[in-house]
C-alpha atoms as a PDB file:
ATOM      1  CA  UNK A   1      12.031   5.991   7.706  1.00  0.00           C
ATOM      2  CA  UNK A   2       8.411   6.828   8.529  1.00  0.00           C
ATOM      3  CA  UNK A   3       5.408   4.571   8.152  1.00  0.00           C
ATOM      4  CA  UNK A   4       4.220   4.731   4.550  1.00  0.00           C
ATOM      5  CA  UNK A   5       1.151   2.475   4.522  1.00  0.00           C
ATOM      6  CA  UNK A   6      -1.505   1.963   7.185  1.00  0.00           C
ATOM      7  CA  UNK A   7      -4.439  -0.448   7.083  1.00  0.00           C
ATOM      8  CA  UNK A   8      -7.212  -0.037   9.665  1.00  0.00           C
ATOM      9  CA  UNK A   9      -9.147  -3.297   9.787  1.00  0.00           C
ATOM     10  CA  UNK A  10     -12.393  -3.784  11.689  1.00  0.00           C
ATOM     11  CA  UNK A  11     -13.033  -7.105  13.444  1.00  0.00           C
ATOM     12  CA  UNK A  12     -15.456  -9.682  12.076  1.00  0.00           C
ATOM     13  CA  UNK A  13     -19.091 -10.093  13.034  1.00  0.00           C
ATOM     14  CA  UNK A  14     -19.931 -10.806  16.683  1.00  0.00           C
ATOM     15  CA  UNK A  15     -23.015 -11.965  18.540  1.00  0.00           C
ATOM     16  CA  UNK A  16     -23.487  -8.378  19.776  1.00  0.00           C
ATOM     17  CA  UNK A  17     -23.484  -7.106  16.181  1.00  0.00           C
ATOM     18  CA  UNK A  18     -26.183  -9.596  15.234  1.00  0.00           C
ATOM     19  CA  UNK A  19     -28.313  -8.615  18.238  1.00  0.00           C
ATOM     20  CA  UNK A  20     -27.821  -4.869  17.585  1.00  0.00           C
ATOM     21  CA  UNK A  21     -26.271  -4.338  21.001  1.00  0.00           C
ATOM     22  CA  UNK A  22     -23.747  -1.663  21.917  1.00  0.00           C
ATOM     23  CA  UNK A  23     -20.466  -3.459  22.578  1.00  0.00           C
ATOM     24  CA  UNK A  24     -18.075  -0.648  23.403  1.00  0.00           C
ATOM     25  CA  UNK A  25     -15.310  -2.159  25.491  1.00  0.00           C
ATOM     26  CA  UNK A  26     -17.288  -5.228  26.529  1.00  0.00           C
ATOM     27  CA  UNK A  27     -15.840  -8.496  25.237  1.00  0.00           C
ATOM     28  CA  UNK A  28     -17.617 -10.662  22.698  1.00  0.00           C
ATOM     29  CA  UNK A  29     -16.587 -13.464  20.365  1.00  0.00           C
ATOM     30  CA  UNK A  30     -16.762 -13.782  16.611  1.00  0.00           C
ATOM     31  CA  UNK A  31     -19.694 -15.654  15.155  1.00  0.00           C
ATOM     32  CA  UNK A  32     -19.024 -18.377  12.547  1.00  0.00           C
ATOM     33  CA  UNK A  33     -19.821 -15.704   9.964  1.00  0.00           C
ATOM     34  CA  UNK A  34     -17.225 -13.409  11.531  1.00  0.00           C
ATOM     35  CA  UNK A  35     -14.585 -16.127  11.417  1.00  0.00           C
ATOM     36  CA  UNK A  36     -15.385 -16.721   7.758  1.00  0.00           C
ATOM     37  CA  UNK A  37     -15.061 -12.995   7.061  1.00  0.00           C
ATOM     38  CA  UNK A  38     -11.601 -12.964   8.612  1.00  0.00           C
ATOM     39  CA  UNK A  39     -10.476 -15.939   6.541  1.00  0.00           C
ATOM     40  CA  UNK A  40     -11.672 -14.275   3.326  1.00  0.00           C
ATOM     41  CA  UNK A  41      -9.929 -11.002   4.171  1.00  0.00           C
ATOM     42  CA  UNK A  42      -6.621 -12.493   5.327  1.00  0.00           C
ATOM     43  CA  UNK A  43      -5.142 -13.401   1.885  1.00  0.00           C
ATOM     44  CA  UNK A  44      -5.896  -9.916   0.556  1.00  0.00           C
ATOM     45  CA  UNK A  45      -4.376  -8.131   3.531  1.00  0.00           C
ATOM     46  CA  UNK A  46      -1.384 -10.468   3.545  1.00  0.00           C
ATOM     47  CA  UNK A  47      -0.850  -9.478  -0.088  1.00  0.00           C
ATOM     48  CA  UNK A  48      -0.222  -5.911   1.074  1.00  0.00           C
ATOM     49  CA  UNK A  49       2.897  -7.297   2.800  1.00  0.00           C
ATOM     50  CA  UNK A  50       2.576  -5.530   6.169  1.00  0.00           C
ATOM     51  CA  UNK A  51       5.677  -5.354   8.342  1.00  0.00           C
ATOM     52  CA  UNK A  52       3.731  -5.248  11.581  1.00  0.00           C
ATOM     53  CA  UNK A  53       0.320  -6.452  12.790  1.00  0.00           C
ATOM     54  CA  UNK A  54      -1.207  -4.996  15.930  1.00  0.00           C
ATOM     55  CA  UNK A  55      -4.601  -5.618  17.484  1.00  0.00           C
ATOM     56  CA  UNK A  56      -6.897  -4.257  20.131  1.00  0.00           C
ATOM     57  CA  UNK A  57      -6.862  -6.413  23.257  1.00  0.00           C
ATOM     58  CA  UNK A  58     -10.612  -7.026  22.975  1.00  0.00           C
ATOM     59  CA  UNK A  59     -11.359 -10.625  22.016  1.00  0.00           C
ATOM     60  CA  UNK A  60     -13.283  -9.909  18.818  1.00  0.00           C
ATOM     61  CA  UNK A  61     -10.321  -8.008  17.378  1.00  0.00           C
ATOM     62  CA  UNK A  62      -7.624 -10.383  18.597  1.00  0.00           C
ATOM     63  CA  UNK A  63      -9.508 -13.368  17.152  1.00  0.00           C
ATOM     64  CA  UNK A  64      -9.730 -11.567  13.807  1.00  0.00           C
ATOM     65  CA  UNK A  65      -6.063 -10.555  13.835  1.00  0.00           C
ATOM     66  CA  UNK A  66      -4.952 -14.090  14.672  1.00  0.00           C
ATOM     67  CA  UNK A  67      -6.325 -15.309  11.341  1.00  0.00           C
ATOM     68  CA  UNK A  68      -4.185 -12.806   9.422  1.00  0.00           C
ATOM     69  CA  UNK A  69      -1.184 -13.523  11.626  1.00  0.00           C
ATOM     70  CA  UNK A  70      -1.339 -17.215  10.771  1.00  0.00           C
ATOM     71  CA  UNK A  71      -1.887 -16.558   7.082  1.00  0.00           C
ATOM     72  CA  UNK A  72       0.901 -13.979   6.746  1.00  0.00           C
ATOM     73  CA  UNK A  73       3.344 -15.509   9.206  1.00  0.00           C
ATOM     74  CA  UNK A  74       3.284 -12.388  11.365  1.00  0.00           C
ATOM     75  CA  UNK A  75       3.452 -12.111  15.128  1.00  0.00           C
ATOM     76  CA  UNK A  76       0.405 -10.298  16.507  1.00  0.00           C
ATOM     77  CA  UNK A  77       1.132  -7.465  18.911  1.00  0.00           C
ATOM     78  CA  UNK A  78      -1.507  -6.134  21.297  1.00  0.00           C
ATOM     79  CA  UNK A  79      -2.153  -2.488  22.166  1.00  0.00           C
ATOM     80  CA  UNK A  80      -5.046  -1.332  24.358  1.00  0.00           C
ATOM     81  CA  UNK A  81      -5.141   2.022  22.570  1.00  0.00           C
ATOM     82  CA  UNK A  82      -6.803   0.224  19.662  1.00  0.00           C
ATOM     83  CA  UNK A  83      -9.863  -0.529  21.806  1.00  0.00           C
ATOM     84  CA  UNK A  84     -13.322   0.528  20.749  1.00  0.00           C
ATOM     85  CA  UNK A  85     -14.943   3.629  22.201  1.00  0.00           C
ATOM     86  CA  UNK A  86     -15.942   3.269  25.832  1.00  0.00           C
ATOM     87  CA  UNK A  87     -19.710   3.679  25.601  1.00  0.00           C
ATOM     88  CA  UNK A  88     -20.298   4.238  29.293  1.00  0.00           C
ATOM     89  CA  UNK A  89     -23.920   3.709  30.332  1.00  0.00           C
ATOM     90  CA  UNK A  90     -24.811   2.486  26.826  1.00  0.00           C
ATOM     91  CA  UNK A  91     -22.548  -0.553  26.874  1.00  0.00           C
ATOM     92  CA  UNK A  92     -24.494  -3.795  26.664  1.00  0.00           C
ATOM     93  CA  UNK A  93     -27.773  -2.095  25.744  1.00  0.00           C
ATOM     94  CA  UNK A  94     -29.648  -2.704  22.528  1.00  0.00           C
ATOM     95  CA  UNK A  95     -30.093   0.161  20.107  1.00  0.00           C
ATOM     96  CA  UNK A  96     -33.776   0.273  21.094  1.00  0.00           C
ATOM     97  CA  UNK A  97     -32.897   0.474  24.802  1.00  0.00           C
ATOM     98  CA  UNK A  98     -30.535   3.372  24.178  1.00  0.00           C
ATOM     99  CA  UNK A  99     -33.238   5.183  22.212  1.00  0.00           C
ATOM    100  CA  UNK A 100     -35.748   4.583  25.013  1.00  0.00           C
ATOM    101  CA  UNK A 101     -33.390   5.895  27.674  1.00  0.00           C
ATOM    102  CA  UNK A 102     -31.830   8.748  25.697  1.00  0.00           C
ATOM    103  CA  UNK A 103     -34.241   9.722  22.899  1.00  0.00           C
ATOM    104  CA  UNK A 104     -32.277  10.977  19.907  1.00  0.00           C
ATOM    105  CA  UNK A 105     -29.003  10.563  21.753  1.00  0.00           C
ATOM    106  CA  UNK A 106     -27.516   7.843  19.586  1.00  0.00           C
ATOM    107  CA  UNK A 107     -28.298   9.676  16.345  1.00  0.00           C
ATOM    108  CA  UNK A 108     -26.691  12.857  17.656  1.00  0.00           C
ATOM    109  CA  UNK A 109     -23.666  10.935  18.930  1.00  0.00           C
ATOM    110  CA  UNK A 110     -23.077   9.318  15.539  1.00  0.00           C
ATOM    111  CA  UNK A 111     -22.623  12.690  13.848  1.00  0.00           C
ATOM    112  CA  UNK A 112     -20.940  14.556  16.736  1.00  0.00           C
ATOM    113  CA  UNK A 113     -17.312  13.461  17.275  1.00  0.00           C
ATOM    114  CA  UNK A 114     -16.998  15.587  20.395  1.00  0.00           C
ATOM    115  CA  UNK A 115     -20.065  14.104  22.100  1.00  0.00           C
ATOM    116  CA  UNK A 116     -19.658  11.219  24.546  1.00  0.00           C
ATOM    117  CA  UNK A 117     -22.275   8.730  25.723  1.00  0.00           C
ATOM    118  CA  UNK A 118     -22.986   9.141  29.450  1.00  0.00           C
ATOM    119  CA  UNK A 119     -19.741   8.239  31.291  1.00  0.00           C
ATOM    120  CA  UNK A 120     -18.101   7.309  27.976  1.00  0.00           C
ATOM    121  CA  UNK A 121     -15.512   8.601  25.495  1.00  0.00           C
ATOM    122  CA  UNK A 122     -15.827  10.977  22.575  1.00  0.00           C
ATOM    123  CA  UNK A 123     -14.673   9.914  19.111  1.00  0.00           C
ATOM    124  CA  UNK A 124     -12.033  12.653  19.350  1.00  0.00           C
ATOM    125  CA  UNK A 125     -10.577  10.998  22.451  1.00  0.00           C
ATOM    126  CA  UNK A 126     -10.601   7.580  20.779  1.00  0.00           C
ATOM    127  CA  UNK A 127      -8.914   8.907  17.628  1.00  0.00           C
ATOM    128  CA  UNK A 128      -6.288  10.719  19.696  1.00  0.00           C
ATOM    129  CA  UNK A 129      -5.166   7.559  21.468  1.00  0.00           C
ATOM    130  CA  UNK A 130      -5.042   5.753  18.136  1.00  0.00           C
ATOM    131  CA  UNK A 131      -2.920   8.541  16.658  1.00  0.00           C
ATOM    132  CA  UNK A 132      -0.459   8.194  19.531  1.00  0.00           C
ATOM    133  CA  UNK A 133       0.162   4.624  18.451  1.00  0.00           C
ATOM    134  CA  UNK A 134       0.636   5.647  14.807  1.00  0.00           C
ATOM    135  CA  UNK A 135       3.217   8.230  15.927  1.00  0.00           C
ATOM    136  CA  UNK A 136       5.113   5.523  17.799  1.00  0.00           C
ATOM    137  CA  UNK A 137       5.027   3.242  14.747  1.00  0.00           C
ATOM    138  CA  UNK A 138       6.576   6.082  12.756  1.00  0.00           C
ATOM    139  CA  UNK A 139       9.597   5.845  15.022  1.00  0.00           C
ATOM    140  CA  UNK A 140      10.153   2.095  14.564  1.00  0.00           C
ATOM    141  CA  UNK A 141      11.353   2.203  10.971  1.00  0.00           C
ATOM    142  CA  UNK A 142       8.529  -0.052   9.784  1.00  0.00           C
ATOM    143  CA  UNK A 143       7.098   0.714   6.347  1.00  0.00           C
ATOM    144  CA  UNK A 144       3.615  -0.862   6.531  1.00  0.00           C
ATOM    145  CA  UNK A 145       1.222  -1.762   9.342  1.00  0.00           C
ATOM    146  CA  UNK A 146      -2.162  -3.409   9.783  1.00  0.00           C
ATOM    147  CA  UNK A 147      -4.101  -2.375  12.883  1.00  0.00           C
ATOM    148  CA  UNK A 148      -6.993  -4.696  13.741  1.00  0.00           C
ATOM    149  CA  UNK A 149      -9.406  -2.546  15.635  1.00  0.00           C
ATOM    150  CA  UNK A 150     -12.992  -1.274  15.819  1.00  0.00           C
ATOM    151  CA  UNK A 151     -15.420   0.827  13.817  1.00  0.00           C
ATOM    152  CA  UNK A 152     -15.436   3.801  16.168  1.00  0.00           C
ATOM    153  CA  UNK A 153     -11.670   4.126  16.183  1.00  0.00           C
ATOM    154  CA  UNK A 154     -11.427   3.812  12.393  1.00  0.00           C
ATOM    155  CA  UNK A 155     -14.146   6.424  11.830  1.00  0.00           C
ATOM    156  CA  UNK A 156     -12.235   8.877  14.038  1.00  0.00           C
ATOM    157  CA  UNK A 157      -8.610   8.069  13.285  1.00  0.00           C
ATOM    158  CA  UNK A 158      -9.079   8.252   9.505  1.00  0.00           C
ATOM    159  CA  UNK A 159     -10.179  11.908   9.344  1.00  0.00           C
ATOM    160  CA  UNK A 160      -7.730  12.855  12.103  1.00  0.00           C
ATOM    161  CA  UNK A 161      -4.769  11.515  10.095  1.00  0.00           C
ATOM    162  CA  UNK A 162      -6.112  13.201   6.968  1.00  0.00           C
ATOM    163  CA  UNK A 163      -6.120  16.522   8.808  1.00  0.00           C
ATOM    164  CA  UNK A 164      -9.856  17.186   8.516  1.00  0.00           C
ATOM    165  CA  UNK A 165     -11.496  19.534  11.018  1.00  0.00           C
ATOM    166  CA  UNK A 166     -13.604  17.748  13.628  1.00  0.00           C
ATOM    167  CA  UNK A 167     -16.741  19.362  12.199  1.00  0.00           C
ATOM    168  CA  UNK A 168     -16.184  17.343   8.998  1.00  0.00           C
ATOM    169  CA  UNK A 169     -15.442  13.946  10.553  1.00  0.00           C
ATOM    170  CA  UNK A 170     -19.007  12.719  10.151  1.00  0.00           C
ATOM    171  CA  UNK A 171     -18.545  12.509   6.362  1.00  0.00           C
ATOM    172  CA  UNK A 172     -16.918   9.155   7.124  1.00  0.00           C
ATOM    173  CA  UNK A 173     -19.691   6.674   7.772  1.00  0.00           C
ATOM    174  CA  UNK A 174     -19.522   3.440   9.706  1.00  0.00           C
ATOM    175  CA  UNK A 175     -17.214   0.560   8.872  1.00  0.00           C
ATOM    176  CA  UNK A 176     -18.795  -2.827   8.200  1.00  0.00           C
ATOM    177  CA  UNK A 177     -17.555  -5.977   9.891  1.00  0.00           C
ATOM    178  CA  UNK A 178     -14.160  -7.131   8.606  1.00  0.00           C
ATOM    179  CA  UNK A 179     -13.920  -4.188   6.169  1.00  0.00           C
ATOM    180  CA  UNK A 180     -10.821  -2.037   6.091  1.00  0.00           C
ATOM    181  CA  UNK A 181      -9.414   1.386   5.264  1.00  0.00           C
ATOM    182  CA  UNK A 182      -6.084   1.998   3.538  1.00  0.00           C
ATOM    183  CA  UNK A 183      -4.060   5.163   4.086  1.00  0.00           C
ATOM    184  CA  UNK A 184      -0.778   5.902   2.308  1.00  0.00           C
ATOM    185  CA  UNK A 185       1.661   8.661   3.089  1.00  0.00           C
ATOM    186  CA  UNK A 186       2.809  10.848   0.238  1.00  0.00           C
ATOM    187  CA  UNK A 187       4.920  13.993   0.675  1.00  0.00           C
ATOM    188  CA  UNK A 188       4.631  13.637   4.459  1.00  0.00           C
ATOM    189  CA  UNK A 189       0.812  13.711   4.348  1.00  0.00           C
ATOM    190  CA  UNK A 190      -1.629  10.845   4.691  1.00  0.00           C
ATOM    191  CA  UNK A 191      -3.859  10.199   1.672  1.00  0.00           C
ATOM    192  CA  UNK A 192      -6.908   7.959   1.558  1.00  0.00           C
ATOM    193  CA  UNK A 193      -6.607   5.020  -0.848  1.00  0.00           C
ATOM    194  CA  UNK A 194      -9.667   3.007   0.236  1.00  0.00           C
ATOM    195  CA  UNK A 195     -12.426   3.234   2.818  1.00  0.00           C
ATOM    196  CA  UNK A 196     -14.765   0.485   4.037  1.00  0.00           C
ATOM    197  CA  UNK A 197     -13.584  -2.062   1.484  1.00  0.00           C
ATOM    198  CA  UNK A 198     -13.703  -5.838   1.835  1.00  0.00           C
ATOM    199  CA  UNK A 199     -13.021  -9.209   0.297  1.00  0.00           C
ATOM    200  CA  UNK A 200     -15.597 -10.295  -2.251  1.00  0.00           C
ATOM    201  CA  UNK A 201     -17.801 -13.208  -1.219  1.00  0.00           C
END
């Protein structure tokens, strides 16, 4: 049996998010707001009855996933392929600092899945490693999975699984903190049920 339902869940708010800094694969912790976001989302996601819960190894994602794990009684597995995009020379910089150093670069990068920050990864590369994990989950016999991950991976993996050409990937905008995307497989193809949705306050 192949995976039939896939939830891609972005971590809660972090101090880097608040400061408008580029996190990439740097570690950061959830803010109190981020922890609250995870607690509001957990009952809804638990209601989807996932068979498996996996998280990126970065702290902000693992802290978010732990809340759902406790609520749903699920063990939390860790997979480094769910990490955020490696942002290379941009990691740790504020948005303003990136714009000063690479004028127009961040705007172009946001709409160009095959462009990488200096010494970093492209969104295509990030989505490809995420898709490898989904393929492996297909072979486990699990029906439903929640992957706690990052905005860059979700914005790339979603159109990749839907079979969209790379030139169309930018139609999927960013994912807000602790929002999620739901994909369901019908007739051996992934279909989008929800994108960038969240628990109501």
